[in-house]
Protein backbone atom coordinates (compact mmCIF):
# COMPACT_ATOMS: atom_id res chain seq x y z
CA UNK A 1 0.00 0.00 0.00
CA UNK A 2 1.35 3.44 -0.95
CA UNK A 3 1.59 5.92 1.90
CA UNK A 4 1.63 9.70 1.93
CA UNK A 5 5.26 10.90 1.84
CA UNK A 6 6.57 11.76 5.29
CA UNK A 7 7.97 15.00 3.91
CA UNK A 8 7.11 17.03 0.85
CA UNK A 9 9.53 19.61 -0.53
CA UNK A 10 8.72 23.00 0.98
CA UNK A 11 6.18 21.56 3.40
CA UNK A 12 8.16 22.20 6.54
CA UNK A 13 8.74 25.92 6.17
CA UNK A 14 7.43 27.96 9.06
CA UNK A 15 4.43 30.17 8.49
CA UNK A 16 1.71 31.87 10.48
CA UNK A 17 -0.67 32.08 7.54
CA UNK A 18 -1.95 28.77 6.17
CA UNK A 19 -2.50 28.30 2.47
CA UNK A 20 -5.84 27.54 0.89
CA UNK A 21 -7.01 24.13 -0.26
CA UNK A 22 -9.07 24.21 -3.46
CA UNK A 23 -11.20 21.11 -3.98
CA UNK A 24 -11.45 21.21 -7.76
CA UNK A 25 -13.78 19.11 -9.89
CA UNK A 26 -11.83 17.82 -12.90
CA UNK A 27 -14.99 16.90 -14.82
CA UNK A 28 -15.70 13.62 -16.63
CA UNK A 29 -12.26 13.31 -18.24
CA UNK A 30 -11.71 15.58 -21.24
CA UNK A 31 -9.65 18.67 -20.39
CA UNK A 32 -11.86 20.97 -22.46
CA UNK A 33 -14.83 20.10 -20.23
CA UNK A 34 -13.22 21.77 -17.22
CA UNK A 35 -14.80 24.91 -15.85
CA UNK A 36 -12.88 28.12 -16.56
CA UNK A 37 -12.06 28.54 -12.86
CA UNK A 38 -10.80 24.97 -12.56
CA UNK A 39 -8.52 25.46 -15.55
CA UNK A 40 -7.08 28.70 -14.16
CA UNK A 41 -6.35 27.16 -10.78
CA UNK A 42 -4.66 24.09 -12.30
CA UNK A 43 -2.52 26.26 -14.58
CA UNK A 44 -1.28 28.21 -11.55
CA UNK A 45 -0.87 25.22 -9.25
CA UNK A 46 2.02 24.94 -6.83
CA UNK A 47 0.89 21.59 -5.40
CA UNK A 48 -1.50 19.09 -7.00
CA UNK A 49 -3.03 16.27 -4.97
CA UNK A 50 -4.96 14.18 -7.48
CA UNK A 51 -7.15 11.10 -7.83
CA UNK A 52 -7.04 8.13 -10.22
CA UNK A 53 -9.97 9.46 -12.27
CA UNK A 54 -8.18 12.69 -13.23
CA UNK A 55 -7.07 12.34 -16.85
CA UNK A 56 -3.54 12.96 -18.06
CA UNK A 57 -4.80 15.76 -20.31
CA UNK A 58 -6.02 17.62 -17.23
CA UNK A 59 -2.76 17.03 -15.34
CA UNK A 60 -0.79 18.33 -18.32
CA UNK A 61 -2.33 21.76 -17.77
CA UNK A 62 -0.33 22.19 -14.55
CA UNK A 63 3.05 23.95 -14.61
CA UNK A 64 5.99 21.54 -15.00
CA UNK A 65 7.41 22.94 -11.75
CA UNK A 66 4.36 21.94 -9.70
CA UNK A 67 4.56 19.20 -7.07
CA UNK A 68 2.22 16.33 -7.96
CA UNK A 69 1.05 13.80 -5.40
CA UNK A 70 -1.05 10.82 -6.49
CA UNK A 71 -3.52 9.57 -3.88
CA UNK A 72 -5.83 7.57 -6.15
CA UNK A 73 -8.15 4.77 -5.17
CA UNK A 74 -9.41 1.74 -7.05
CA UNK A 75 -12.07 -0.70 -5.80
CA UNK A 76 -10.53 -2.66 -2.89
CA UNK A 77 -7.14 -1.04 -3.57
CA UNK A 78 -6.64 2.29 -1.86
CA UNK A 79 -3.27 3.78 -2.74
CA UNK A 80 -3.58 6.14 0.22
CA UNK A 81 -6.21 5.77 2.96
CA UNK A 82 -8.67 8.65 3.19
CA UNK A 83 -7.53 9.56 6.71
CA UNK A 84 -3.98 10.07 5.42
CA UNK A 85 -5.21 12.20 2.52
CA UNK A 86 -7.01 14.42 5.02
CA UNK A 87 -3.83 14.80 7.08
CA UNK A 88 -1.74 15.51 3.97
CA UNK A 89 -4.02 18.37 2.91
CA UNK A 90 -3.78 19.92 6.37
CA UNK A 91 0.02 19.55 6.51
CA UNK A 92 0.55 21.10 3.09
CA UNK A 93 -1.77 24.04 3.73
CA UNK A 94 -0.37 24.60 7.23
CA UNK A 95 3.06 25.08 5.65
CA UNK A 96 1.67 28.06 3.74
CA UNK A 97 1.20 26.42 0.38
CA UNK A 98 -1.94 26.67 -1.72
CA UNK A 99 -3.10 23.18 -2.64
CA UNK A 100 -5.18 22.04 -5.61
CA UNK A 101 -7.05 18.90 -4.61
CA UNK A 102 -8.13 17.46 -7.96
CA UNK A 103 -11.07 15.07 -8.06
CA UNK A 104 -12.75 13.43 -11.04
CA UNK A 105 -16.20 14.79 -11.84
CA UNK A 106 -17.57 16.97 -9.03
CA UNK A 107 -15.92 16.95 -5.58
CA UNK A 108 -19.25 16.49 -3.80
CA UNK A 109 -20.66 13.63 -5.90
CA UNK A 110 -19.13 10.33 -4.73
CA UNK A 111 -15.80 12.11 -4.31
CA UNK A 112 -15.49 12.23 -0.51
CA UNK A 113 -15.19 15.99 -0.82
CA UNK A 114 -17.46 16.47 2.17
CA UNK A 115 -15.14 14.42 4.38
CA UNK A 116 -12.12 16.47 3.33
CA UNK A 117 -13.90 19.79 3.85
CA UNK A 118 -14.98 18.63 7.30
CA UNK A 119 -11.38 17.81 8.20
CA UNK A 120 -10.02 21.10 6.84
CA UNK A 121 -12.62 23.07 8.77
CA UNK A 122 -11.71 21.23 11.97
CA UNK A 123 -8.14 22.53 11.68
CA UNK A 124 -9.11 26.01 10.52
CA UNK A 125 -7.65 25.58 7.02
CA UNK A 126 -9.13 27.95 4.40
CA UNK A 127 -10.76 26.06 1.57
CA UNK A 128 -12.93 26.49 -1.48
CA UNK A 129 -14.92 24.00 -3.54
CA UNK A 130 -14.82 24.44 -7.32
CA UNK A 131 -17.68 22.49 -8.96
CA UNK A 132 -17.08 20.13 -11.85
CA UNK A 133 -19.26 18.40 -14.41
CA UNK A 134 -20.19 15.06 -12.90
CA UNK A 135 -19.74 11.92 -15.00
CA UNK A 136 -23.46 11.19 -15.33
CA UNK A 137 -24.30 14.42 -17.11
CA UNK A 138 -20.93 14.85 -18.83
CA UNK A 139 -20.66 11.39 -20.39
CA UNK A 140 -24.32 11.13 -21.40
CA UNK A 141 -24.51 14.59 -22.92
CA UNK A 142 -21.33 13.92 -24.89
CA UNK A 143 -23.03 10.83 -26.33
CA UNK A 144 -26.28 12.64 -27.10
CA UNK A 145 -28.30 10.84 -24.43
CA UNK A 146 -30.56 12.97 -22.22
CA UNK A 147 -30.77 12.08 -18.53
CA UNK A 148 -34.43 13.08 -18.60
CA UNK A 149 -36.79 13.15 -21.57
CA UNK A 150 -40.45 14.09 -21.65
CA UNK A 151 -42.65 11.02 -21.72
CA UNK A 152 -39.69 8.69 -21.15
CA UNK A 153 -37.87 9.62 -17.93
CA UNK A 154 -39.30 12.07 -15.41
CA UNK A 155 -36.20 12.04 -13.21
CA UNK A 156 -32.70 10.71 -12.68
CA UNK A 157 -30.98 9.07 -9.74
CA UNK A 158 -27.27 8.71 -9.08
CA UNK A 159 -25.99 5.88 -6.87
CA UNK A 160 -22.59 4.39 -6.11
CA UNK A 161 -21.78 0.89 -7.29
CA UNK A 162 -19.71 -0.05 -4.26
CA UNK A 163 -19.48 0.61 -0.53
CA UNK A 164 -16.75 1.13 2.02
CA UNK A 165 -14.47 -1.78 2.82
CA UNK A 166 -16.09 -4.22 5.19
CA UNK A 167 -19.61 -2.93 4.52
CA UNK A 168 -22.11 -5.05 2.61
CA UNK A 169 -23.22 -3.51 -0.68
CA UNK A 170 -26.90 -2.73 -0.29
CA UNK A 171 -29.17 -0.13 -1.88
CA UNK A 172 -32.91 0.50 -1.62
CA UNK A 173 -33.60 -1.63 -4.69
CA UNK A 174 -37.38 -1.26 -4.58
CA UNK A 175 -37.19 2.51 -4.95
CA UNK A 176 -34.50 2.28 -7.63
CA UNK A 177 -36.48 -0.13 -9.83
CA UNK A 178 -38.54 2.66 -11.39
CA UNK A 179 -39.05 2.39 -15.17
CA UNK A 180 -39.81 6.13 -15.39
CA UNK A 181 -36.44 7.12 -13.91
CA UNK A 182 -32.93 7.04 -15.36
CA UNK A 183 -30.64 5.23 -12.94
CA UNK A 184 -26.91 5.99 -13.18
CA UNK A 185 -24.53 3.78 -11.24
CA UNK A 186 -21.06 5.19 -10.64
CA UNK A 187 -18.19 2.69 -10.49
CA UNK A 188 -20.68 -0.05 -11.26
CA UNK A 189 -18.66 -2.64 -13.18
CA UNK A 190 -17.55 -4.93 -10.34
CA UNK A 191 -21.04 -5.22 -8.86
CA UNK A 192 -22.94 -5.18 -12.19
CA UNK A 193 -24.22 -8.79 -11.79
CA UNK A 194 -25.54 -8.08 -8.29
CA UNK A 195 -27.10 -4.78 -9.39
CA UNK A 196 -28.82 -6.52 -12.31
CA UNK A 197 -30.18 -9.32 -10.13
CA UNK A 198 -31.47 -7.01 -7.42
CA UNK A 199 -33.18 -4.59 -9.81
CA UNK A 200 -34.91 -7.45 -11.61
CA UNK A 201 -35.98 -8.98 -8.30
CA UNK A 202 -37.45 -5.58 -7.39
CA UNK A 203 -39.56 -5.58 -10.54
CA UNK A 204 -37.53 -3.82 -13.23
CA UNK A 205 -37.90 -5.50 -16.62
CA UNK A 206 -34.96 -7.68 -17.77
CA UNK A 207 -35.28 -5.93 -21.15
CA UNK A 208 -34.54 -2.50 -19.66
CA UNK A 209 -31.85 -0.82 -21.82
CA UNK A 210 -28.40 -0.39 -20.28
CA UNK A 211 -25.41 1.53 -21.57
CA UNK A 212 -22.02 0.89 -19.96
CA UNK A 213 -19.47 3.67 -20.50
CA UNK A 214 -15.79 3.16 -19.78
CA UNK A 215 -13.43 6.16 -19.50
CA UNK A 216 -16.11 8.52 -20.81
CA UNK A 217 -15.17 11.63 -22.86
CA UNK A 218 -11.52 10.56 -23.12
CA UNK A 219 -9.71 9.07 -26.15
CA UNK A 220 -9.93 5.70 -24.35
CA UNK A 221 -13.73 5.83 -24.18
CA UNK A 222 -15.52 2.54 -24.88
CA UNK A 223 -19.22 1.74 -24.62
CA UNK A 224 -21.42 -1.32 -24.53
CA UNK A 225 -25.15 -1.27 -25.29
CA UNK A 226 -26.97 -4.11 -23.55
CA UNK A 227 -29.97 -4.93 -21.35
CA UNK A 228 -30.41 -5.42 -17.64
CA UNK A 229 -30.55 -9.20 -18.08
CA UNK A 230 -27.40 -9.33 -20.22
CA UNK A 231 -25.20 -6.68 -18.63
CA UNK A 232 -22.84 -9.16 -16.97
CA UNK A 233 -22.20 -11.18 -20.13
CA UNK A 234 -21.99 -8.27 -22.56
CA UNK A 235 -19.69 -6.02 -20.51
CA UNK A 236 -17.34 -8.98 -20.01
CA UNK A 237 -17.37 -9.77 -23.74
CA UNK A 238 -16.70 -6.12 -24.54
CA UNK A 239 -13.69 -6.15 -22.21
CA UNK A 240 -14.67 -2.93 -20.48
CA UNK A 241 -12.39 -1.80 -17.67
CA UNK A 242 -12.97 0.58 -14.78
CA UNK A 243 -13.98 3.32 -14.42
CA UNK A 244 -17.38 2.30 -15.80
CA UNK A 245 -20.65 4.20 -15.58
CA UNK A 246 -23.85 2.16 -15.92
CA UNK A 247 -26.84 3.99 -17.38
CA UNK A 248 -30.06 2.08 -16.84
CA UNK A 249 -33.32 3.23 -18.37
CA UNK A 250 -35.41 3.96 -21.44
CA UNK A 251 -33.48 7.13 -22.36
CA UNK A 252 -30.79 4.89 -23.88
CA UNK A 253 -33.30 3.33 -26.27
CA UNK A 254 -35.08 6.62 -26.92
CA UNK A 255 -31.85 8.34 -27.91
CA UNK A 256 -31.27 5.64 -30.50
CA UNK A 257 -34.86 5.79 -31.73
CA UNK A 258 -34.86 9.51 -32.45
CA UNK A 259 -31.31 9.40 -33.81
CA UNK A 260 -29.64 12.04 -31.65
CA UNK A 261 -27.12 9.66 -30.11
CA UNK A 262 -25.95 8.39 -33.49
CA UNK A 263 -25.30 11.89 -34.82
CA UNK A 264 -23.42 12.96 -31.71
CA UNK A 265 -21.46 9.74 -31.29
CA UNK A 266 -20.17 9.81 -34.86
CA UNK A 267 -18.40 13.06 -33.99
CA UNK A 268 -17.41 12.05 -30.47
CA UNK A 269 -13.76 10.97 -30.44
CA UNK A 270 -14.30 9.08 -33.68
CA UNK A 271 -15.89 6.15 -31.83
CA UNK A 272 -19.13 4.29 -32.39
CA UNK A 273 -21.29 4.73 -29.29
CA UNK A 274 -23.66 1.83 -29.70
CA UNK A 275 -21.41 -0.99 -30.72
CA UNK A 276 -21.09 -4.07 -28.52
């Protein structure tokens, strides 16, 4: 397991004025989907503390002289425990350095941003949250698929596809099995079979359309169009790798029917969106 470095260059200098920690949303992957403020902060960064879901294109915007610290997590493999990330942010800011804490998507949507803000506040460290485009809206819009569509989906729900270590994965399946709602599962690949089984047991049709999106909006983007009953088999056959977003609902089929997804996907990174 990787640990936070005991010392970071420049961290130990004495100061009475702490720096500021900026929790910056890096968006769904593509650098040109950053907010203007996020881009400006990254381009001026002295220290970057970044997650696994931050793309290389985004990191390349930082000055070559910046200090870069990777603290990424993968399912069941945490490079740096969250408690150590919290301590690192406090140590760096307490030394007087401004810190850019880069998170994929939006810091407050399955990004543990709330936990980090809570810790910074406890130690009196100035901080600011810079919103980012979350993967659900970013990836779907880039593919021409609306999260909501009149007469098809009256709402959307975002859930995580995994839980903390040592905690059983359980969601309120009955409320999620709503055919009039678009369900988006973040980091859903590993538990896709369980998610499929539970939603069907709760009453959602096995024929419900599903779109699995791997590395959305980046040059590595791959997609797999399937159904709730076949999601395990088809994603395995397609060889999709994490991070994967599962989009479950009729908007996937509707986008195909009216043709908007095909037009958009033909221009999107030169890849075919509905193969697989």
